[in-house]
Amino acid sequence: MMSNMMMMILGMAIVTYLPRMIPLVALSGIDLPPFVQNVLRNVPFATLGALIVPGVFFIQEDIWFGAVGAAAAFAVAYLGVNVIVVVMSSILTLVVYGLLF
């Protein structure tokens, strides 16, 4: 049983490592065009958006709960404050919203 588990862990490690290593090795000496570089720079933001947006709207049965929290976070983030302040202000807004509604 233990050898099966170790083989599974080793297999998962290889499967997750190869897609990261191959582009790094294959593209290490190539200068990518500026358009491709700009697209690749935006991938983390697109991924973060894809993870956050469904969570905002499906956090509770009340869809306004997530919308109010997201609006508060966007408003405070627009001011350029620290991310901790953004998170805490969103939480505080949702506490007040939860108490009122």
N, C-alpha and C. Protein backbone atom coordinates (compact mmCIF):
# COMPACT_ATOMS: atom_id res chain seq x y z
N MET A 1 0.82 -1.20 0.00
CA MET A 1 0.00 0.00 0.00
C MET A 1 0.86 1.26 0.00
N MET A 2 1.94 1.24 0.77
CA MET A 2 2.79 2.42 0.87
C MET A 2 3.50 2.68 -0.44
N SER A 3 3.90 1.63 -1.15
CA SER A 3 4.60 1.84 -2.42
C SER A 3 3.64 2.40 -3.47
N ASN A 4 2.37 1.99 -3.44
CA ASN A 4 1.38 2.56 -4.35
C ASN A 4 1.19 4.05 -4.08
N MET A 5 1.17 4.41 -2.82
CA MET A 5 1.01 5.81 -2.45
C MET A 5 2.22 6.62 -2.90
N MET A 6 3.39 6.08 -2.70
CA MET A 6 4.61 6.79 -3.12
C MET A 6 4.67 6.93 -4.64
N MET A 7 4.25 5.91 -5.36
CA MET A 7 4.22 5.99 -6.82
C MET A 7 3.22 7.04 -7.29
N MET A 8 2.10 7.12 -6.60
CA MET A 8 1.09 8.12 -6.95
C MET A 8 1.63 9.53 -6.70
N ILE A 9 2.28 9.73 -5.56
CA ILE A 9 2.86 11.04 -5.25
C ILE A 9 3.94 11.39 -6.25
N LEU A 10 4.79 10.45 -6.60
CA LEU A 10 5.84 10.68 -7.59
C LEU A 10 5.24 11.01 -8.95
N GLY A 11 4.21 10.29 -9.35
CA GLY A 11 3.54 10.56 -10.62
C GLY A 11 2.92 11.95 -10.65
N MET A 12 2.28 12.35 -9.57
CA MET A 12 1.68 13.68 -9.51
C MET A 12 2.75 14.77 -9.54
N ALA A 13 3.87 14.50 -8.89
CA ALA A 13 4.96 15.48 -8.90
C ALA A 13 5.50 15.66 -10.31
N ILE A 14 5.67 14.58 -11.04
CA ILE A 14 6.17 14.67 -12.41
C ILE A 14 5.17 15.38 -13.31
N VAL A 15 3.91 15.04 -13.17
CA VAL A 15 2.88 15.63 -14.02
C VAL A 15 2.74 17.13 -13.77
N THR A 16 2.94 17.59 -12.56
CA THR A 16 2.82 19.02 -12.30
C THR A 16 4.13 19.77 -12.57
N TYR A 17 5.26 19.07 -12.51
CA TYR A 17 6.55 19.74 -12.72
C TYR A 17 6.85 19.92 -14.21
N LEU A 18 6.53 18.95 -15.02
CA LEU A 18 6.87 19.02 -16.45
C LEU A 18 6.25 20.21 -17.18
N PRO A 19 4.98 20.52 -17.00
CA PRO A 19 4.43 21.70 -17.71
C PRO A 19 5.07 23.02 -17.27
N ARG A 20 5.71 23.05 -16.13
CA ARG A 20 6.39 24.26 -15.69
C ARG A 20 7.83 24.30 -16.18
N MET A 21 8.46 23.14 -16.24
CA MET A 21 9.86 23.09 -16.60
C MET A 21 10.07 23.20 -18.11
N ILE A 22 9.24 22.56 -18.90
CA ILE A 22 9.44 22.53 -20.36
C ILE A 22 9.43 23.93 -20.97
N PRO A 23 8.45 24.80 -20.70
CA PRO A 23 8.52 26.14 -21.28
C PRO A 23 9.72 26.94 -20.78
N LEU A 24 10.09 26.73 -19.53
CA LEU A 24 11.23 27.45 -18.98
C LEU A 24 12.51 27.08 -19.72
N VAL A 25 12.71 25.81 -19.99
CA VAL A 25 13.90 25.36 -20.69
C VAL A 25 13.81 25.69 -22.18
N ALA A 26 12.66 25.47 -22.78
CA ALA A 26 12.53 25.67 -24.22
C ALA A 26 12.57 27.14 -24.62
N LEU A 27 12.08 28.02 -23.77
CA LEU A 27 12.01 29.45 -24.12
C LEU A 27 13.08 30.29 -23.43
N SER A 28 14.07 29.65 -22.81
CA SER A 28 15.05 30.41 -22.04
C SER A 28 15.92 31.33 -22.89
N GLY A 29 16.24 30.94 -24.12
CA GLY A 29 17.10 31.76 -24.96
C GLY A 29 16.36 32.57 -26.00
N ILE A 30 15.04 32.55 -25.97
CA ILE A 30 14.24 33.21 -27.00
C ILE A 30 13.68 34.52 -26.45
N ASP A 31 13.81 35.60 -27.23
CA ASP A 31 13.17 36.85 -26.87
C ASP A 31 11.77 36.87 -27.48
N LEU A 32 10.78 36.91 -26.62
CA LEU A 32 9.40 36.91 -27.09
C LEU A 32 9.01 38.31 -27.55
N PRO A 33 8.10 38.39 -28.51
CA PRO A 33 7.61 39.71 -28.94
C PRO A 33 6.94 40.44 -27.78
N PRO A 34 6.93 41.77 -27.81
CA PRO A 34 6.32 42.54 -26.71
C PRO A 34 4.86 42.19 -26.47
N PHE A 35 4.10 41.90 -27.54
CA PHE A 35 2.69 41.55 -27.36
C PHE A 35 2.56 40.27 -26.52
N VAL A 36 3.36 39.27 -26.82
CA VAL A 36 3.30 38.00 -26.07
C VAL A 36 3.74 38.22 -24.62
N GLN A 37 4.76 39.04 -24.41
CA GLN A 37 5.20 39.34 -23.06
C GLN A 37 4.09 40.03 -22.26
N ASN A 38 3.38 40.96 -22.90
CA ASN A 38 2.27 41.64 -22.21
C ASN A 38 1.14 40.67 -21.88
N VAL A 39 0.84 39.76 -22.78
CA VAL A 39 -0.20 38.77 -22.52
C VAL A 39 0.20 37.89 -21.35
N LEU A 40 1.44 37.44 -21.34
CA LEU A 40 1.90 36.56 -20.26
C LEU A 40 1.97 37.29 -18.92
N ARG A 41 2.22 38.57 -18.94
CA ARG A 41 2.22 39.34 -17.68
C ARG A 41 0.82 39.43 -17.09
N ASN A 42 -0.21 39.36 -17.90
CA ASN A 42 -1.58 39.48 -17.41
C ASN A 42 -2.21 38.16 -17.00
N VAL A 43 -1.54 37.06 -17.21
CA VAL A 43 -2.09 35.75 -16.85
C VAL A 43 -2.38 35.65 -15.35
N PRO A 44 -1.50 36.10 -14.44
CA PRO A 44 -1.85 35.99 -13.01
C PRO A 44 -3.11 36.76 -12.65
N PHE A 45 -3.33 37.92 -13.26
CA PHE A 45 -4.53 38.70 -12.95
C PHE A 45 -5.78 38.01 -13.48
N ALA A 46 -5.69 37.43 -14.66
CA ALA A 46 -6.83 36.71 -15.22
C ALA A 46 -7.17 35.48 -14.37
N THR A 47 -6.15 34.79 -13.92
CA THR A 47 -6.37 33.61 -13.08
C THR A 47 -6.99 34.02 -11.75
N LEU A 48 -6.48 35.08 -11.16
CA LEU A 48 -7.03 35.56 -9.91
C LEU A 48 -8.49 35.97 -10.07
N GLY A 49 -8.80 36.64 -11.17
CA GLY A 49 -10.19 37.02 -11.44
C GLY A 49 -11.09 35.81 -11.59
N ALA A 50 -10.59 34.79 -12.28
CA ALA A 50 -11.39 33.58 -12.47
C ALA A 50 -11.64 32.84 -11.16
N LEU A 51 -10.75 33.00 -10.21
CA LEU A 51 -10.94 32.37 -8.91
C LEU A 51 -11.83 33.19 -7.98
N ILE A 52 -11.73 34.50 -8.06
CA ILE A 52 -12.45 35.36 -7.12
C ILE A 52 -13.90 35.60 -7.52
N VAL A 53 -14.17 35.85 -8.79
CA VAL A 53 -15.51 36.25 -9.22
C VAL A 53 -16.58 35.20 -8.86
N PRO A 54 -16.38 33.92 -9.12
CA PRO A 54 -17.42 32.96 -8.70
C PRO A 54 -17.62 32.95 -7.18
N GLY A 55 -16.54 33.12 -6.43
CA GLY A 55 -16.65 33.15 -4.98
C GLY A 55 -17.44 34.34 -4.48
N VAL A 56 -17.35 35.44 -5.18
CA VAL A 56 -18.10 36.64 -4.79
C VAL A 56 -19.59 36.40 -4.91
N PHE A 57 -20.01 35.80 -6.00
CA PHE A 57 -21.44 35.66 -6.25
C PHE A 57 -22.06 34.42 -5.64
N PHE A 58 -21.25 33.47 -5.21
CA PHE A 58 -21.80 32.25 -4.62
C PHE A 58 -21.41 32.08 -3.16
N ILE A 59 -21.04 33.18 -2.48
CA ILE A 59 -20.61 33.09 -1.09
C ILE A 59 -21.79 32.75 -0.18
N GLN A 60 -22.97 33.24 -0.51
CA GLN A 60 -24.18 32.95 0.25
C GLN A 60 -25.35 32.87 -0.72
N GLU A 61 -26.49 32.51 -0.20
CA GLU A 61 -27.68 32.48 -1.04
C GLU A 61 -28.07 33.89 -1.48
N ASP A 62 -27.80 34.86 -0.62
CA ASP A 62 -28.08 36.27 -0.94
C ASP A 62 -26.95 36.79 -1.82
N ILE A 63 -27.23 37.01 -3.10
CA ILE A 63 -26.20 37.44 -4.04
C ILE A 63 -25.69 38.84 -3.71
N TRP A 64 -26.51 39.64 -3.05
CA TRP A 64 -26.10 41.00 -2.69
C TRP A 64 -25.01 41.01 -1.63
N PHE A 65 -24.93 39.95 -0.85
CA PHE A 65 -23.90 39.86 0.18
C PHE A 65 -22.51 39.92 -0.46
N GLY A 66 -22.29 39.13 -1.49
CA GLY A 66 -21.02 39.15 -2.20
C GLY A 66 -20.81 40.43 -2.97
N ALA A 67 -21.87 40.94 -3.58
CA ALA A 67 -21.75 42.17 -4.37
C ALA A 67 -21.39 43.36 -3.49
N VAL A 68 -21.98 43.44 -2.30
CA VAL A 68 -21.66 44.54 -1.38
C VAL A 68 -20.22 44.43 -0.90
N GLY A 69 -19.79 43.23 -0.57
CA GLY A 69 -18.41 43.04 -0.13
C GLY A 69 -17.41 43.37 -1.22
N ALA A 70 -17.70 42.95 -2.46
CA ALA A 70 -16.81 43.25 -3.58
C ALA A 70 -16.78 44.75 -3.87
N ALA A 71 -17.94 45.40 -3.80
CA ALA A 71 -17.99 46.84 -4.05
C ALA A 71 -17.18 47.60 -3.00
N ALA A 72 -17.29 47.17 -1.76
CA ALA A 72 -16.50 47.82 -0.70
C ALA A 72 -15.01 47.60 -0.93
N ALA A 73 -14.64 46.40 -1.31
CA ALA A 73 -13.22 46.11 -1.56
C ALA A 73 -12.70 46.92 -2.74
N PHE A 74 -13.48 47.00 -3.82
CA PHE A 74 -13.06 47.78 -4.98
C PHE A 74 -12.92 49.26 -4.64
N ALA A 75 -13.87 49.79 -3.87
CA ALA A 75 -13.84 51.21 -3.53
C ALA A 75 -12.62 51.55 -2.68
N VAL A 76 -12.32 50.70 -1.70
CA VAL A 76 -11.17 50.97 -0.84
C VAL A 76 -9.86 50.72 -1.60
N ALA A 77 -9.84 49.70 -2.44
CA ALA A 77 -8.63 49.42 -3.22
C ALA A 77 -8.34 50.54 -4.21
N TYR A 78 -9.37 51.17 -4.71
CA TYR A 78 -9.19 52.28 -5.65
C TYR A 78 -8.46 53.45 -4.99
N LEU A 79 -8.60 53.56 -3.69
CA LEU A 79 -7.90 54.62 -2.96
C LEU A 79 -6.41 54.34 -2.83
N GLY A 80 -6.00 53.12 -3.12
CA GLY A 80 -4.57 52.78 -3.12
C GLY A 80 -4.02 52.40 -1.76
N VAL A 81 -4.86 51.94 -0.88
CA VAL A 81 -4.38 51.56 0.45
C VAL A 81 -3.82 50.14 0.44
N ASN A 82 -3.27 49.75 1.55
CA ASN A 82 -2.68 48.43 1.72
C ASN A 82 -3.75 47.34 1.58
N VAL A 83 -3.34 46.17 1.10
CA VAL A 83 -4.29 45.08 0.86
C VAL A 83 -4.96 44.62 2.16
N ILE A 84 -4.28 44.70 3.27
CA ILE A 84 -4.88 44.32 4.56
C ILE A 84 -6.05 45.26 4.89
N VAL A 85 -5.87 46.54 4.61
CA VAL A 85 -6.94 47.51 4.84
C VAL A 85 -8.13 47.21 3.94
N VAL A 86 -7.86 46.81 2.70
CA VAL A 86 -8.93 46.45 1.77
C VAL A 86 -9.72 45.27 2.29
N VAL A 87 -9.03 44.24 2.72
CA VAL A 87 -9.70 43.03 3.22
C VAL A 87 -10.48 43.35 4.49
N MET A 88 -9.87 44.08 5.41
CA MET A 88 -10.55 44.40 6.67
C MET A 88 -11.77 45.29 6.44
N SER A 89 -11.68 46.22 5.51
CA SER A 89 -12.84 47.08 5.25
C SER A 89 -13.97 46.29 4.60
N SER A 90 -13.63 45.35 3.76
CA SER A 90 -14.66 44.50 3.15
C SER A 90 -15.33 43.63 4.22
N ILE A 91 -14.53 43.09 5.11
CA ILE A 91 -15.09 42.26 6.19
C ILE A 91 -15.99 43.11 7.08
N LEU A 92 -15.54 44.30 7.45
CA LEU A 92 -16.34 45.18 8.29
C LEU A 92 -17.65 45.57 7.61
N THR A 93 -17.57 45.84 6.32
CA THR A 93 -18.78 46.17 5.56
C THR A 93 -19.76 45.00 5.57
N LEU A 94 -19.25 43.78 5.41
CA LEU A 94 -20.13 42.62 5.40
C LEU A 94 -20.70 42.32 6.78
N VAL A 95 -19.94 42.62 7.81
CA VAL A 95 -20.49 42.46 9.17
C VAL A 95 -21.67 43.40 9.37
N VAL A 96 -21.49 44.65 8.98
CA VAL A 96 -22.57 45.63 9.11
C VAL A 96 -23.76 45.23 8.24
N TYR A 97 -23.48 44.81 7.00
CA TYR A 97 -24.56 44.38 6.10
C TYR A 97 -25.30 43.18 6.69
N GLY A 98 -24.56 42.24 7.25
CA GLY A 98 -25.18 41.06 7.85
C GLY A 98 -26.05 41.41 9.06
N LEU A 99 -25.63 42.40 9.82
CA LEU A 99 -26.43 42.82 10.99
C LEU A 99 -27.69 43.57 10.56
N LEU A 100 -27.58 44.34 9.48
CA LEU A 100 -28.73 45.14 9.04
C LEU A 100 -29.74 44.34 8.23
N PHE A 101 -29.26 43.39 7.47
CA PHE A 101 -30.16 42.65 6.59
C PHE A 101 -30.14 41.22 6.98
